[in-house]
C-alpha atoms as a PDB file:
ATOM      1  CA  UNK A   1      85.072 139.195  73.131  1.00  0.00           C
ATOM      2  CA  UNK A   2      85.212 142.957  73.704  1.00  0.00           C
ATOM      3  CA  UNK A   3      83.182 145.651  72.009  1.00  0.00           C
ATOM      4  CA  UNK A   4      86.426 147.400  71.077  1.00  0.00           C
ATOM      5  CA  UNK A   5      87.360 144.332  69.003  1.00  0.00           C
ATOM      6  CA  UNK A   6      84.113 144.586  67.050  1.00  0.00           C
ATOM      7  CA  UNK A   7      84.712 148.301  66.525  1.00  0.00           C
ATOM      8  CA  UNK A   8      88.261 147.677  65.277  1.00  0.00           C
ATOM      9  CA  UNK A   9      87.197 144.836  62.974  1.00  0.00           C
ATOM     10  CA  UNK A  10      84.404 146.880  61.385  1.00  0.00           C
ATOM     11  CA  UNK A  11      86.661 149.905  60.962  1.00  0.00           C
ATOM     12  CA  UNK A  12      89.234 147.803  59.092  1.00  0.00           C
ATOM     13  CA  UNK A  13      86.606 146.245  56.818  1.00  0.00           C
ATOM     14  CA  UNK A  14      84.923 149.571  56.087  1.00  0.00           C
ATOM     15  CA  UNK A  15      88.248 151.297  55.406  1.00  0.00           C
ATOM     16  CA  UNK A  16      89.720 148.467  53.340  1.00  0.00           C
ATOM     17  CA  UNK A  17      93.016 148.127  55.227  1.00  0.00           C
ATOM     18  CA  UNK A  18      94.425 147.973  58.727  1.00  0.00           C
ATOM     19  CA  UNK A  19      96.306 151.235  58.229  1.00  0.00           C
ATOM     20  CA  UNK A  20      93.182 153.079  57.047  1.00  0.00           C
ATOM     21  CA  UNK A  21      91.116 151.534  59.835  1.00  0.00           C
ATOM     22  CA  UNK A  22      93.637 152.719  62.440  1.00  0.00           C
ATOM     23  CA  UNK A  23      93.595 156.189  60.916  1.00  0.00           C
ATOM     24  CA  UNK A  24      89.789 156.351  61.000  1.00  0.00           C
ATOM     25  CA  UNK A  25      89.802 155.456  64.706  1.00  0.00           C
ATOM     26  CA  UNK A  26      92.814 157.673  65.431  1.00  0.00           C
ATOM     27  CA  UNK A  27      94.794 154.846  67.048  1.00  0.00           C
ATOM     28  CA  UNK A  28      98.159 153.264  66.281  1.00  0.00           C
ATOM     29  CA  UNK A  29      98.276 150.599  63.582  1.00  0.00           C
ATOM     30  CA  UNK A  30      99.883 147.966  65.872  1.00  0.00           C
ATOM     31  CA  UNK A  31      96.960 148.425  68.273  1.00  0.00           C
ATOM     32  CA  UNK A  32      94.470 147.523  65.560  1.00  0.00           C
ATOM     33  CA  UNK A  33      96.589 144.592  64.377  1.00  0.00           C
ATOM     34  CA  UNK A  34      96.767 143.203  67.919  1.00  0.00           C
ATOM     35  CA  UNK A  35      93.015 143.642  68.384  1.00  0.00           C
ATOM     36  CA  UNK A  36      92.158 141.787  65.152  1.00  0.00           C
ATOM     37  CA  UNK A  37      94.567 138.937  65.907  1.00  0.00           C
ATOM     38  CA  UNK A  38      93.109 138.592  69.398  1.00  0.00           C
ATOM     39  CA  UNK A  39      89.592 138.462  67.952  1.00  0.00           C
ATOM     40  CA  UNK A  40      90.589 135.800  65.422  1.00  0.00           C
ATOM     41  CA  UNK A  41      92.240 133.761  68.184  1.00  0.00           C
ATOM     42  CA  UNK A  42      89.091 133.889  70.312  1.00  0.00           C
ATOM     43  CA  UNK A  43      86.934 132.802  67.380  1.00  0.00           C
ATOM     44  CA  UNK A  44      89.448 130.181  66.207  1.00  0.00           C
ATOM     45  CA  UNK A  45      89.040 131.461  62.661  1.00  0.00           C
ATOM     46  CA  UNK A  46      90.792 133.785  60.246  1.00  0.00           C
ATOM     47  CA  UNK A  47      88.493 136.708  59.479  1.00  0.00           C
ATOM     48  CA  UNK A  48      90.684 138.802  57.197  1.00  0.00           C
ATOM     49  CA  UNK A  49      93.014 137.902  54.363  1.00  0.00           C
ATOM     50  CA  UNK A  50      95.892 140.362  54.134  1.00  0.00           C
ATOM     51  CA  UNK A  51      96.896 141.363  50.585  1.00  0.00           C
ATOM     52  CA  UNK A  52      99.274 143.864  49.054  1.00  0.00           C
ATOM     53  CA  UNK A  53      96.303 146.183  48.464  1.00  0.00           C
ATOM     54  CA  UNK A  54      94.605 145.886  51.834  1.00  0.00           C
ATOM     55  CA  UNK A  55      92.365 143.241  53.380  1.00  0.00           C
ATOM     56  CA  UNK A  56      89.496 141.068  52.148  1.00  0.00           C
ATOM     57  CA  UNK A  57      87.023 139.071  54.185  1.00  0.00           C
ATOM     58  CA  UNK A  58      87.355 135.306  54.374  1.00  0.00           C
ATOM     59  CA  UNK A  59      84.229 133.141  54.364  1.00  0.00           C
ATOM     60  CA  UNK A  60      84.278 133.166  58.176  1.00  0.00           C
ATOM     61  CA  UNK A  61      84.881 136.901  58.095  1.00  0.00           C
ATOM     62  CA  UNK A  62      81.825 137.510  55.925  1.00  0.00           C
ATOM     63  CA  UNK A  63      79.628 135.542  58.294  1.00  0.00           C
ATOM     64  CA  UNK A  64      81.026 137.391  61.321  1.00  0.00           C
ATOM     65  CA  UNK A  65      80.812 140.773  59.607  1.00  0.00           C
ATOM     66  CA  UNK A  66      77.042 140.491  59.092  1.00  0.00           C
ATOM     67  CA  UNK A  67      76.474 139.806  62.803  1.00  0.00           C
ATOM     68  CA  UNK A  68      79.009 142.403  63.940  1.00  0.00           C
ATOM     69  CA  UNK A  69      77.239 145.085  61.890  1.00  0.00           C
ATOM     70  CA  UNK A  70      73.927 144.233  63.556  1.00  0.00           C
ATOM     71  CA  UNK A  71      75.521 144.448  66.986  1.00  0.00           C
ATOM     72  CA  UNK A  72      77.049 147.808  66.132  1.00  0.00           C
ATOM     73  CA  UNK A  73      73.688 149.107  64.952  1.00  0.00           C
ATOM     74  CA  UNK A  74      71.922 147.946  68.103  1.00  0.00           C
ATOM     75  CA  UNK A  75      74.568 149.542  70.328  1.00  0.00           C
ATOM     76  CA  UNK A  76      74.193 152.845  68.507  1.00  0.00           C
ATOM     77  CA  UNK A  77      70.425 152.739  68.931  1.00  0.00           C
ATOM     78  CA  UNK A  78      70.704 151.782  72.614  1.00  0.00           C
ATOM     79  CA  UNK A  79      73.098 154.668  73.334  1.00  0.00           C
ATOM     80  CA  UNK A  80      70.865 157.156  71.546  1.00  0.00           C
ATOM     81  CA  UNK A  81      67.678 156.007  73.240  1.00  0.00           C
ATOM     82  CA  UNK A  82      69.297 156.216  76.686  1.00  0.00           C
ATOM     83  CA  UNK A  83      70.525 159.717  75.838  1.00  0.00           C
ATOM     84  CA  UNK A  84      67.027 160.723  74.736  1.00  0.00           C
ATOM     85  CA  UNK A  85      65.482 159.438  77.967  1.00  0.00           C
ATOM     86  CA  UNK A  86      68.116 161.306  79.962  1.00  0.00           C
ATOM     87  CA  UNK A  87      67.475 164.455  77.950  1.00  0.00           C
ATOM     88  CA  UNK A  88      71.046 164.587  76.676  1.00  0.00           C
ATOM     89  CA  UNK A  89      70.355 164.408  72.959  1.00  0.00           C
ATOM     90  CA  UNK A  90      67.904 163.816  70.167  1.00  0.00           C
ATOM     91  CA  UNK A  91      69.690 160.957  68.395  1.00  0.00           C
ATOM     92  CA  UNK A  92      70.029 160.335  64.686  1.00  0.00           C
ATOM     93  CA  UNK A  93      68.262 158.592  61.839  1.00  0.00           C
ATOM     94  CA  UNK A  94      69.651 157.067  58.660  1.00  0.00           C
ATOM     95  CA  UNK A  95      67.171 157.094  55.792  1.00  0.00           C
ATOM     96  CA  UNK A  96      67.424 155.425  52.398  1.00  0.00           C
ATOM     97  CA  UNK A  97      65.519 156.853  49.435  1.00  0.00           C
ATOM     98  CA  UNK A  98      65.015 155.710  45.883  1.00  0.00           C
ATOM     99  CA  UNK A  99      65.556 158.432  43.250  1.00  0.00           C
ATOM    100  CA  UNK A 100      61.836 158.968  42.654  1.00  0.00           C
ATOM    101  CA  UNK A 101      60.816 158.979  46.302  1.00  0.00           C
ATOM    102  CA  UNK A 102      63.736 161.267  47.113  1.00  0.00           C
ATOM    103  CA  UNK A 103      62.554 163.792  44.536  1.00  0.00           C
ATOM    104  CA  UNK A 104      58.902 163.619  45.562  1.00  0.00           C
ATOM    105  CA  UNK A 105      58.943 163.109  49.331  1.00  0.00           C
ATOM    106  CA  UNK A 106      62.311 163.846  50.922  1.00  0.00           C
ATOM    107  CA  UNK A 107      62.288 167.612  51.441  1.00  0.00           C
ATOM    108  CA  UNK A 108      58.807 167.786  52.953  1.00  0.00           C
ATOM    109  CA  UNK A 109      59.366 164.657  55.078  1.00  0.00           C
ATOM    110  CA  UNK A 110      62.558 166.070  56.561  1.00  0.00           C
ATOM    111  CA  UNK A 111      60.896 169.428  57.225  1.00  0.00           C
ATOM    112  CA  UNK A 112      58.031 167.764  59.067  1.00  0.00           C
ATOM    113  CA  UNK A 113      60.389 165.520  61.037  1.00  0.00           C
ATOM    114  CA  UNK A 114      62.520 168.489  62.137  1.00  0.00           C
ATOM    115  CA  UNK A 115      59.486 170.192  63.645  1.00  0.00           C
ATOM    116  CA  UNK A 116      59.572 167.455  66.290  1.00  0.00           C
ATOM    117  CA  UNK A 117      63.316 166.768  66.396  1.00  0.00           C
ATOM    118  CA  UNK A 118      65.123 169.942  65.274  1.00  0.00           C
ATOM    119  CA  UNK A 119      68.502 168.860  66.649  1.00  0.00           C
ATOM    120  CA  UNK A 120      68.548 165.260  65.423  1.00  0.00           C
ATOM    121  CA  UNK A 121      71.168 164.236  62.887  1.00  0.00           C
ATOM    122  CA  UNK A 122      69.829 162.929  59.560  1.00  0.00           C
ATOM    123  CA  UNK A 123      71.798 160.908  57.038  1.00  0.00           C
ATOM    124  CA  UNK A 124      70.202 160.273  53.636  1.00  0.00           C
ATOM    125  CA  UNK A 125      71.422 157.564  51.243  1.00  0.00           C
ATOM    126  CA  UNK A 126      70.061 157.565  47.682  1.00  0.00           C
ATOM    127  CA  UNK A 127      70.132 154.321  45.687  1.00  0.00           C
ATOM    128  CA  UNK A 128      67.891 152.025  43.687  1.00  0.00           C
ATOM    129  CA  UNK A 129      65.606 149.867  45.803  1.00  0.00           C
ATOM    130  CA  UNK A 130      67.529 146.596  45.571  1.00  0.00           C
ATOM    131  CA  UNK A 131      70.693 148.383  46.756  1.00  0.00           C
ATOM    132  CA  UNK A 132      68.876 149.735  49.827  1.00  0.00           C
ATOM    133  CA  UNK A 133      67.404 146.449  51.065  1.00  0.00           C
ATOM    134  CA  UNK A 134      70.648 144.922  52.419  1.00  0.00           C
ATOM    135  CA  UNK A 135      71.515 148.239  54.097  1.00  0.00           C
ATOM    136  CA  UNK A 136      68.263 148.058  56.061  1.00  0.00           C
ATOM    137  CA  UNK A 137      68.884 144.395  56.813  1.00  0.00           C
ATOM    138  CA  UNK A 138      72.297 145.035  58.375  1.00  0.00           C
ATOM    139  CA  UNK A 139      71.043 148.245  60.090  1.00  0.00           C
ATOM    140  CA  UNK A 140      73.280 150.595  58.159  1.00  0.00           C
ATOM    141  CA  UNK A 141      69.927 152.266  57.456  1.00  0.00           C
ATOM    142  CA  UNK A 142      67.104 152.609  59.965  1.00  0.00           C
ATOM    143  CA  UNK A 143      64.531 152.604  57.174  1.00  0.00           C
ATOM    144  CA  UNK A 144      64.246 153.016  53.422  1.00  0.00           C
ATOM    145  CA  UNK A 145      61.528 154.287  51.089  1.00  0.00           C
ATOM    146  CA  UNK A 146      61.510 152.412  47.799  1.00  0.00           C
ATOM    147  CA  UNK A 147      60.029 149.523  45.880  1.00  0.00           C
ATOM    148  CA  UNK A 148      59.546 146.591  48.228  1.00  0.00           C
ATOM    149  CA  UNK A 149      61.645 143.431  48.285  1.00  0.00           C
ATOM    150  CA  UNK A 150      60.449 139.877  47.740  1.00  0.00           C
ATOM    151  CA  UNK A 151      59.446 138.749  51.267  1.00  0.00           C
ATOM    152  CA  UNK A 152      60.643 135.214  50.527  1.00  0.00           C
ATOM    153  CA  UNK A 153      64.134 136.509  49.786  1.00  0.00           C
ATOM    154  CA  UNK A 154      64.166 139.158  52.514  1.00  0.00           C
ATOM    155  CA  UNK A 155      62.275 137.613  55.453  1.00  0.00           C
ATOM    156  CA  UNK A 156      64.018 139.917  57.946  1.00  0.00           C
ATOM    157  CA  UNK A 157      62.387 143.010  56.397  1.00  0.00           C
ATOM    158  CA  UNK A 158      58.913 144.512  56.812  1.00  0.00           C
ATOM    159  CA  UNK A 159      57.252 146.480  54.036  1.00  0.00           C
ATOM    160  CA  UNK A 160      54.495 149.070  54.564  1.00  0.00           C
ATOM    161  CA  UNK A 161      52.958 150.187  51.228  1.00  0.00           C
ATOM    162  CA  UNK A 162      52.554 153.910  50.517  1.00  0.00           C
ATOM    163  CA  UNK A 163      51.497 154.275  46.867  1.00  0.00           C
ATOM    164  CA  UNK A 164      51.642 152.686  43.431  1.00  0.00           C
ATOM    165  CA  UNK A 165      54.291 153.952  41.000  1.00  0.00           C
ATOM    166  CA  UNK A 166      53.198 153.911  37.366  1.00  0.00           C
ATOM    167  CA  UNK A 167      55.631 154.043  34.455  1.00  0.00           C
ATOM    168  CA  UNK A 168      55.610 156.040  31.245  1.00  0.00           C
ATOM    169  CA  UNK A 169      57.564 155.667  28.020  1.00  0.00           C
ATOM    170  CA  UNK A 170      59.541 158.868  27.508  1.00  0.00           C
ATOM    171  CA  UNK A 171      61.826 160.572  24.998  1.00  0.00           C
ATOM    172  CA  UNK A 172      63.414 163.964  24.453  1.00  0.00           C
ATOM    173  CA  UNK A 173      61.243 166.834  23.321  1.00  0.00           C
ATOM    174  CA  UNK A 174      60.626 166.614  19.572  1.00  0.00           C
ATOM    175  CA  UNK A 175      61.754 162.980  19.272  1.00  0.00           C
ATOM    176  CA  UNK A 176      61.105 161.423  15.800  1.00  0.00           C
ATOM    177  CA  UNK A 177      59.001 158.658  17.411  1.00  0.00           C
ATOM    178  CA  UNK A 178      56.896 160.952  19.588  1.00  0.00           C
ATOM    179  CA  UNK A 179      53.751 160.177  17.529  1.00  0.00           C
ATOM    180  CA  UNK A 180      54.040 156.392  18.017  1.00  0.00           C
ATOM    181  CA  UNK A 181      51.105 154.893  19.874  1.00  0.00           C
ATOM    182  CA  UNK A 182      52.175 151.274  20.425  1.00  0.00           C
ATOM    183  CA  UNK A 183      55.114 149.491  22.000  1.00  0.00           C
ATOM    184  CA  UNK A 184      55.469 147.395  18.840  1.00  0.00           C
ATOM    185  CA  UNK A 185      56.425 150.537  16.906  1.00  0.00           C
ATOM    186  CA  UNK A 186      59.084 151.329  19.492  1.00  0.00           C
ATOM    187  CA  UNK A 187      60.606 147.862  19.836  1.00  0.00           C
ATOM    188  CA  UNK A 188      63.412 148.522  17.338  1.00  0.00           C
ATOM    189  CA  UNK A 189      64.460 151.826  18.893  1.00  0.00           C
ATOM    190  CA  UNK A 190      67.543 152.252  21.058  1.00  0.00           C
ATOM    191  CA  UNK A 191      66.651 152.153  24.746  1.00  0.00           C
ATOM    192  CA  UNK A 192      68.089 152.979  28.141  1.00  0.00           C
ATOM    193  CA  UNK A 193      67.025 151.073  31.218  1.00  0.00           C
ATOM    194  CA  UNK A 194      67.712 151.070  34.923  1.00  0.00           C
ATOM    195  CA  UNK A 195      69.821 148.251  36.259  1.00  0.00           C
ATOM    196  CA  UNK A 196      67.406 145.546  37.450  1.00  0.00           C
ATOM    197  CA  UNK A 197      67.470 143.825  40.842  1.00  0.00           C
ATOM    198  CA  UNK A 198      69.531 140.601  40.776  1.00  0.00           C
ATOM    199  CA  UNK A 199      66.403 138.442  40.995  1.00  0.00           C
ATOM    200  CA  UNK A 200      64.015 140.195  38.600  1.00  0.00           C
ATOM    201  CA  UNK A 201      63.800 142.130  35.389  1.00  0.00           C
ATOM    202  CA  UNK A 202      64.093 145.847  34.786  1.00  0.00           C
ATOM    203  CA  UNK A 203      61.029 148.111  34.411  1.00  0.00           C
ATOM    204  CA  UNK A 204      61.669 147.918  30.667  1.00  0.00           C
ATOM    205  CA  UNK A 205      61.424 144.109  30.739  1.00  0.00           C
ATOM    206  CA  UNK A 206      58.194 144.327  32.750  1.00  0.00           C
ATOM    207  CA  UNK A 207      56.631 146.795  30.312  1.00  0.00           C
ATOM    208  CA  UNK A 208      57.260 144.730  27.176  1.00  0.00           C
ATOM    209  CA  UNK A 209      56.530 141.339  28.757  1.00  0.00           C
ATOM    210  CA  UNK A 210      53.159 142.645  30.040  1.00  0.00           C
ATOM    211  CA  UNK A 211      52.302 143.539  26.436  1.00  0.00           C
ATOM    212  CA  UNK A 212      53.342 140.085  25.194  1.00  0.00           C
ATOM    213  CA  UNK A 213      56.334 141.495  23.323  1.00  0.00           C
ATOM    214  CA  UNK A 214      60.010 140.536  23.471  1.00  0.00           C
ATOM    215  CA  UNK A 215      62.110 143.077  25.319  1.00  0.00           C
ATOM    216  CA  UNK A 216      63.924 145.633  23.141  1.00  0.00           C
ATOM    217  CA  UNK A 217      67.674 145.858  23.000  1.00  0.00           C
ATOM    218  CA  UNK A 218      68.888 148.129  25.801  1.00  0.00           C
ATOM    219  CA  UNK A 219      72.136 149.744  24.734  1.00  0.00           C
ATOM    220  CA  UNK A 220      72.815 151.429  28.083  1.00  0.00           C
ATOM    221  CA  UNK A 221      72.007 150.343  31.638  1.00  0.00           C
ATOM    222  CA  UNK A 222      72.029 153.002  34.379  1.00  0.00           C
ATOM    223  CA  UNK A 223      71.908 152.849  38.140  1.00  0.00           C
ATOM    224  CA  UNK A 224      71.079 156.553  38.349  1.00  0.00           C
ATOM    225  CA  UNK A 225      67.894 158.346  37.357  1.00  0.00           C
ATOM    226  CA  UNK A 226      69.875 161.563  36.985  1.00  0.00           C
ATOM    227  CA  UNK A 227      72.212 160.033  34.401  1.00  0.00           C
ATOM    228  CA  UNK A 228      69.319 158.339  32.644  1.00  0.00           C
ATOM    229  CA  UNK A 229      67.336 161.563  32.296  1.00  0.00           C
ATOM    230  CA  UNK A 230      70.394 163.466  31.055  1.00  0.00           C
ATOM    231  CA  UNK A 231      71.067 160.819  28.397  1.00  0.00           C
ATOM    232  CA  UNK A 232      67.452 160.716  27.278  1.00  0.00           C
ATOM    233  CA  UNK A 233      67.343 164.505  26.996  1.00  0.00           C
ATOM    234  CA  UNK A 234      70.425 164.663  24.764  1.00  0.00           C
ATOM    235  CA  UNK A 235      70.002 161.574  22.541  1.00  0.00           C
ATOM    236  CA  UNK A 236      67.355 159.785  20.471  1.00  0.00           C
ATOM    237  CA  UNK A 237      67.184 156.901  22.924  1.00  0.00           C
ATOM    238  CA  UNK A 238      63.939 155.947  24.666  1.00  0.00           C
ATOM    239  CA  UNK A 239      63.362 154.989  28.278  1.00  0.00           C
ATOM    240  CA  UNK A 240      60.749 154.395  30.935  1.00  0.00           C
ATOM    241  CA  UNK A 241      60.500 156.423  34.125  1.00  0.00           C
ATOM    242  CA  UNK A 242      57.951 156.981  36.836  1.00  0.00           C
ATOM    243  CA  UNK A 243      54.998 159.028  35.621  1.00  0.00           C
ATOM    244  CA  UNK A 244      55.139 160.875  38.950  1.00  0.00           C
ATOM    245  CA  UNK A 245      58.732 161.878  38.223  1.00  0.00           C
ATOM    246  CA  UNK A 246      57.804 162.985  34.713  1.00  0.00           C
ATOM    247  CA  UNK A 247      55.293 165.408  36.253  1.00  0.00           C
ATOM    248  CA  UNK A 248      58.023 167.334  38.103  1.00  0.00           C
ATOM    249  CA  UNK A 249      59.018 170.638  36.442  1.00  0.00           C
ATOM    250  CA  UNK A 250      62.681 169.792  35.935  1.00  0.00           C
ATOM    251  CA  UNK A 251      61.989 166.518  34.109  1.00  0.00           C
ATOM    252  CA  UNK A 252      58.960 167.876  32.258  1.00  0.00           C
ATOM    253  CA  UNK A 253      61.135 170.589  30.693  1.00  0.00           C
ATOM    254  CA  UNK A 254      63.441 167.964  29.153  1.00  0.00           C
ATOM    255  CA  UNK A 255      61.293 164.950  28.346  1.00  0.00           C
ATOM    256  CA  UNK A 256      57.841 164.111  27.061  1.00  0.00           C
ATOM    257  CA  UNK A 257      55.703 160.994  27.287  1.00  0.00           C
ATOM    258  CA  UNK A 258      55.026 158.794  24.276  1.00  0.00           C
ATOM    259  CA  UNK A 259      51.439 157.767  25.145  1.00  0.00           C
ATOM    260  CA  UNK A 260      51.330 154.162  23.968  1.00  0.00           C
ATOM    261  CA  UNK A 261      48.001 152.330  23.958  1.00  0.00           C
ATOM    262  CA  UNK A 262      49.214 149.430  26.099  1.00  0.00           C
ATOM    263  CA  UNK A 263      48.606 149.521  29.839  1.00  0.00           C
ATOM    264  CA  UNK A 264      51.964 149.762  31.572  1.00  0.00           C
ATOM    265  CA  UNK A 265      52.660 147.878  34.812  1.00  0.00           C
ATOM    266  CA  UNK A 266      53.080 149.630  38.142  1.00  0.00           C
ATOM    267  CA  UNK A 267      55.095 148.880  41.273  1.00  0.00           C
ATOM    268  CA  UNK A 268      54.331 149.504  44.940  1.00  0.00           C
ATOM    269  CA  UNK A 269      56.511 151.942  46.888  1.00  0.00           C
ATOM    270  CA  UNK A 270      56.613 151.792  50.657  1.00  0.00           C
ATOM    271  CA  UNK A 271      58.617 152.007  53.873  1.00  0.00           C
ATOM    272  CA  UNK A 272      61.080 149.199  54.513  1.00  0.00           C
ATOM    273  CA  UNK A 273      62.311 148.392  58.027  1.00  0.00           C
ATOM    274  CA  UNK A 274      63.705 145.410  59.827  1.00  0.00           C
ATOM    275  CA  UNK A 275      61.083 143.098  61.330  1.00  0.00           C
ATOM    276  CA  UNK A 276      62.994 143.105  64.606  1.00  0.00           C
ATOM    277  CA  UNK A 277      64.060 145.049  66.653  1.00  0.00           C
ATOM    278  CA  UNK A 278      61.645 148.016  66.724  1.00  0.00           C
ATOM    279  CA  UNK A 279      62.617 151.426  65.403  1.00  0.00           C
ATOM    280  CA  UNK A 280      64.058 153.982  67.765  1.00  0.00           C
ATOM    281  CA  UNK A 281      61.830 156.884  68.757  1.00  0.00           C
ATOM    282  CA  UNK A 282      63.606 159.162  66.276  1.00  0.00           C
ATOM    283  CA  UNK A 283      63.483 156.665  63.383  1.00  0.00           C
ATOM    284  CA  UNK A 284      59.804 155.959  64.075  1.00  0.00           C
ATOM    285  CA  UNK A 285      59.121 159.699  63.883  1.00  0.00           C
ATOM    286  CA  UNK A 286      60.816 159.842  60.472  1.00  0.00           C
ATOM    287  CA  UNK A 287      58.709 156.900  59.265  1.00  0.00           C
ATOM    288  CA  UNK A 288      55.542 158.710  60.391  1.00  0.00           C
ATOM    289  CA  UNK A 289      56.622 161.903  58.634  1.00  0.00           C
ATOM    290  CA  UNK A 290      57.218 160.031  55.378  1.00  0.00           C
ATOM    291  CA  UNK A 291      53.824 158.314  55.666  1.00  0.00           C
ATOM    292  CA  UNK A 292      51.997 161.598  56.245  1.00  0.00           C
ATOM    293  CA  UNK A 293      53.730 163.325  53.339  1.00  0.00           C
ATOM    294  CA  UNK A 294      53.117 160.365  51.016  1.00  0.00           C
ATOM    295  CA  UNK A 295      49.390 160.307  51.846  1.00  0.00           C
ATOM    296  CA  UNK A 296      49.177 164.039  51.266  1.00  0.00           C
ATOM    297  CA  UNK A 297      51.027 163.727  47.968  1.00  0.00           C
ATOM    298  CA  UNK A 298      48.751 160.934  46.707  1.00  0.00           C
ATOM    299  CA  UNK A 299      45.607 162.912  47.617  1.00  0.00           C
ATOM    300  CA  UNK A 300      46.920 165.996  45.827  1.00  0.00           C
ATOM    301  CA  UNK A 301      47.354 163.999  42.595  1.00  0.00           C
END
């Protein structure tokens, strides 16, 4: 098996078709087709199912894809670390951020990191925590900063806590229910909620279950804090967001907290990496920068 075969296979999967994969690699389509067929022959398994709209992975292809992605990630890290030792470059880091951590920590973390590695490439991916975990697992991301995964479901990942994230019930400025002081009074309102992880409830579910109340009817589910805040600001719907996010000027201008008497649950935010192999020198520097900025932010609050 040749590394070029892995490269070709991953390019086709990422692009969605053999033609698009060939275009992304700037090679002829028959070259890619021959490479994939040779790989399948060596593995004695069909990896891709050709369709009129492109390609889809077979069961064998899905299993191979997960390993191929790890190999690709390790090769990239090896090349960059050798280049760093030889003084030929400063490498790159791919960083995942949840919406709240991106707002609170990203700019200062990147600024601090660039003091040490001013020429390193940085790629930032923003998504909810449960969408970032598999990207760290398959090394698409070097690290992520978000709510931590269940260690029983993600044994390949390490989690280093940074701070607790508390939630607040929020509504637009001047909302008719702004004087309510209990969740029971808000249960019949229309709510928005973030899409929950596949294996657990949303923050809204956690808030009401902790108070011993049935969850309210969520009319809209979002996978974006930006969309959620915009909807809350322009409608009479209620929602729950991080109290830290509510303290930022942009959000504070649009929304206000409804200070209910019940204690709301909190979640731990931290740095997520693979358990093995170790981070590259550049990725480790980014993790340190995030940790320093997070500690400074917590002390300032």
